[in-house]
Amino acid sequence: MMIMEHLNQWTTSDVRWISDETWMNCDKGIIEVTKKSECWGGLDLSSTTDLTGLALIFPPIAEGERWKLLTWAWLPDDGLHQKEEKDRVPYLAWKRSGALETT
């Protein structure tokens, strides 16, 4: 059994949905970027049923480097299938791919 913290709540789980290796590799390069670089952010807050989005953009640190962009999107999970049909947007596919987090 693994003990984890989830939203500041300690939980236990028999099944891990992210392997330790994947979790530990998530920040490679990103931490250094965020420590050494300027950053601009954009936040689009929702009310209750639309998308919330956050984007952070980091300019190159060294000559020849590319700009780095980190993005997140959130949407309520309740009624997601109906919302997908109404909006004609592939929310369920985005959720499966990890491009959309549902709450």
C-alpha atoms as a PDB file:
ATOM      1  CA  MET A   1       0.000   0.000   0.000  1.00  0.00           C
ATOM      2  CA  MET A   2       1.296   3.439  -0.941  1.00  0.00           C
ATOM      3  CA  ILE A   3       0.653   6.546   1.126  1.00  0.00           C
ATOM      4  CA  MET A   4       0.254   9.718  -0.926  1.00  0.00           C
ATOM      5  CA  GLU A   5      -0.764  13.308  -0.414  1.00  0.00           C
ATOM      6  CA  HIS A   6      -3.648  14.464  -2.631  1.00  0.00           C
ATOM      7  CA  LEU A   7      -4.796  18.072  -2.325  1.00  0.00           C
ATOM      8  CA  ASN A   8      -3.145  18.286   1.098  1.00  0.00           C
ATOM      9  CA  GLN A   9      -4.983  15.161   2.269  1.00  0.00           C
ATOM     10  CA  TRP A  10      -3.008  12.000   3.070  1.00  0.00           C
ATOM     11  CA  THR A  11      -4.507   9.003   1.298  1.00  0.00           C
ATOM     12  CA  THR A  12      -3.630   5.354   0.780  1.00  0.00           C
ATOM     13  CA  SER A  13      -3.878   3.379  -2.413  1.00  0.00           C
ATOM     14  CA  ASP A  14      -3.201  -0.155  -3.579  1.00  0.00           C
ATOM     15  CA  VAL A  15      -2.977   0.990  -7.198  1.00  0.00           C
ATOM     16  CA  ARG A  16      -0.765   3.751  -8.533  1.00  0.00           C
ATOM     17  CA  TRP A  17      -2.057   5.588 -11.558  1.00  0.00           C
ATOM     18  CA  ILE A  18       1.326   7.291 -12.107  1.00  0.00           C
ATOM     19  CA  SER A  19       4.490   5.255 -11.699  1.00  0.00           C
ATOM     20  CA  ASP A  20       7.263   6.624  -9.477  1.00  0.00           C
ATOM     21  CA  GLU A  21       9.555   6.831 -12.508  1.00  0.00           C
ATOM     22  CA  THR A  22       7.047   8.868 -14.525  1.00  0.00           C
ATOM     23  CA  TRP A  23       6.376  11.187 -11.592  1.00  0.00           C
ATOM     24  CA  MET A  24      10.083  11.780 -10.923  1.00  0.00           C
ATOM     25  CA  ASN A  25      10.742  12.549 -14.613  1.00  0.00           C
ATOM     26  CA  CYS A  26       7.938  15.109 -14.913  1.00  0.00           C
ATOM     27  CA  ASP A  27       9.965  18.107 -13.850  1.00  0.00           C
ATOM     28  CA  LYS A  28      13.214  17.436 -15.710  1.00  0.00           C
ATOM     29  CA  GLY A  29      14.214  20.728 -17.246  1.00  0.00           C
ATOM     30  CA  ILE A  30      11.120  22.564 -16.101  1.00  0.00           C
ATOM     31  CA  ILE A  31      12.453  23.338 -12.619  1.00  0.00           C
ATOM     32  CA  GLU A  32      15.616  24.835 -14.070  1.00  0.00           C
ATOM     33  CA  VAL A  33      13.593  26.868 -16.537  1.00  0.00           C
ATOM     34  CA  THR A  34      11.361  28.268 -13.826  1.00  0.00           C
ATOM     35  CA  LYS A  35      14.296  29.118 -11.546  1.00  0.00           C
ATOM     36  CA  LYS A  36      16.379  30.942 -14.140  1.00  0.00           C
ATOM     37  CA  SER A  37      13.932  32.576 -16.486  1.00  0.00           C
ATOM     38  CA  GLU A  38      11.398  35.302 -16.724  1.00  0.00           C
ATOM     39  CA  CYS A  39       7.866  34.069 -17.089  1.00  0.00           C
ATOM     40  CA  TRP A  40       4.609  35.510 -18.306  1.00  0.00           C
ATOM     41  CA  GLY A  41       1.328  33.931 -17.378  1.00  0.00           C
ATOM     42  CA  GLY A  42      -2.233  34.100 -18.525  1.00  0.00           C
ATOM     43  CA  LEU A  43      -5.211  32.882 -16.521  1.00  0.00           C
ATOM     44  CA  ASP A  44      -8.764  32.523 -17.790  1.00  0.00           C
ATOM     45  CA  LEU A  45     -11.112  31.753 -14.910  1.00  0.00           C
ATOM     46  CA  SER A  46     -14.484  30.147 -15.433  1.00  0.00           C
ATOM     47  CA  SER A  47     -17.676  30.581 -13.488  1.00  0.00           C
ATOM     48  CA  THR A  48     -19.159  27.097 -13.139  1.00  0.00           C
ATOM     49  CA  THR A  49     -19.486  25.305 -16.469  1.00  0.00           C
ATOM     50  CA  ASP A  50     -16.868  26.597 -18.905  1.00  0.00           C
ATOM     51  CA  LEU A  51     -13.137  25.961 -19.243  1.00  0.00           C
ATOM     52  CA  THR A  52     -10.542  27.401 -16.910  1.00  0.00           C
ATOM     53  CA  GLY A  53      -7.098  27.776 -18.427  1.00  0.00           C
ATOM     54  CA  LEU A  54      -3.596  28.684 -17.291  1.00  0.00           C
ATOM     55  CA  ALA A  55      -0.617  29.271 -19.564  1.00  0.00           C
ATOM     56  CA  LEU A  56       2.963  30.089 -18.618  1.00  0.00           C
ATOM     57  CA  ILE A  57       5.510  31.101 -21.243  1.00  0.00           C
ATOM     58  CA  PHE A  58       9.257  31.231 -20.676  1.00  0.00           C
ATOM     59  CA  PRO A  59      11.604  33.030 -23.083  1.00  0.00           C
ATOM     60  CA  PRO A  60      14.886  31.391 -24.119  1.00  0.00           C
ATOM     61  CA  ILE A  61      17.672  31.528 -21.546  1.00  0.00           C
ATOM     62  CA  ALA A  62      20.542  30.905 -23.939  1.00  0.00           C
ATOM     63  CA  GLU A  63      21.143  31.773 -27.584  1.00  0.00           C
ATOM     64  CA  GLY A  64      19.379  29.348 -29.927  1.00  0.00           C
ATOM     65  CA  GLU A  65      16.993  27.961 -27.303  1.00  0.00           C
ATOM     66  CA  ARG A  66      13.272  27.811 -27.920  1.00  0.00           C
ATOM     67  CA  TRP A  67      10.529  29.445 -25.932  1.00  0.00           C
ATOM     68  CA  LYS A  68       8.889  27.046 -23.468  1.00  0.00           C
ATOM     69  CA  LEU A  69       5.137  26.938 -22.903  1.00  0.00           C
ATOM     70  CA  LEU A  70       3.281  25.169 -20.098  1.00  0.00           C
ATOM     71  CA  THR A  71      -0.505  24.974 -20.259  1.00  0.00           C
ATOM     72  CA  TRP A  72      -3.309  23.543 -18.160  1.00  0.00           C
ATOM     73  CA  ALA A  73      -7.065  23.353 -18.711  1.00  0.00           C
ATOM     74  CA  TRP A  74      -9.829  22.362 -16.301  1.00  0.00           C
ATOM     75  CA  LEU A  75     -13.527  21.674 -16.717  1.00  0.00           C
ATOM     76  CA  PRO A  76     -16.169  20.219 -14.374  1.00  0.00           C
ATOM     77  CA  ASP A  77     -16.605  16.470 -14.906  1.00  0.00           C
ATOM     78  CA  ASP A  78     -20.364  16.533 -14.260  1.00  0.00           C
ATOM     79  CA  GLY A  79     -22.231  16.385 -17.549  1.00  0.00           C
ATOM     80  CA  LEU A  80     -19.038  16.257 -19.621  1.00  0.00           C
ATOM     81  CA  HIS A  81     -20.563  13.984 -22.272  1.00  0.00           C
ATOM     82  CA  GLN A  82     -23.546  16.297 -22.750  1.00  0.00           C
ATOM     83  CA  LYS A  83     -21.283  19.354 -22.799  1.00  0.00           C
ATOM     84  CA  GLU A  84     -19.155  17.700 -25.488  1.00  0.00           C
ATOM     85  CA  GLU A  85     -22.229  17.174 -27.674  1.00  0.00           C
ATOM     86  CA  LYS A  86     -23.572  20.682 -27.035  1.00  0.00           C
ATOM     87  CA  ASP A  87     -20.267  22.505 -27.630  1.00  0.00           C
ATOM     88  CA  ARG A  88     -19.111  20.138 -30.415  1.00  0.00           C
ATOM     89  CA  VAL A  89     -15.689  19.933 -28.770  1.00  0.00           C
ATOM     90  CA  PRO A  90     -13.860  16.630 -28.043  1.00  0.00           C
ATOM     91  CA  TYR A  91     -13.656  17.115 -24.255  1.00  0.00           C
ATOM     92  CA  LEU A  92     -13.651  13.357 -23.528  1.00  0.00           C
ATOM     93  CA  ALA A  93     -10.721  12.764 -25.915  1.00  0.00           C
ATOM     94  CA  TRP A  94      -8.859  15.698 -24.365  1.00  0.00           C
ATOM     95  CA  LYS A  95      -9.486  14.218 -20.912  1.00  0.00           C
ATOM     96  CA  ARG A  96      -8.226  10.768 -21.998  1.00  0.00           C
ATOM     97  CA  SER A  97      -5.087  12.305 -23.518  1.00  0.00           C
ATOM     98  CA  GLY A  98      -4.344  14.341 -20.382  1.00  0.00           C
ATOM     99  CA  ALA A  99      -4.838  17.697 -22.114  1.00  0.00           C
ATOM    100  CA  LEU A 100      -7.877  18.429 -19.940  1.00  0.00           C
ATOM    101  CA  GLU A 101      -8.245  17.899 -16.217  1.00  0.00           C
ATOM    102  CA  THR A 102     -11.767  17.496 -14.893  1.00  0.00           C
ATOM    103  CA  THR A 103     -12.908  18.518 -11.434  1.00  0.00           C
END
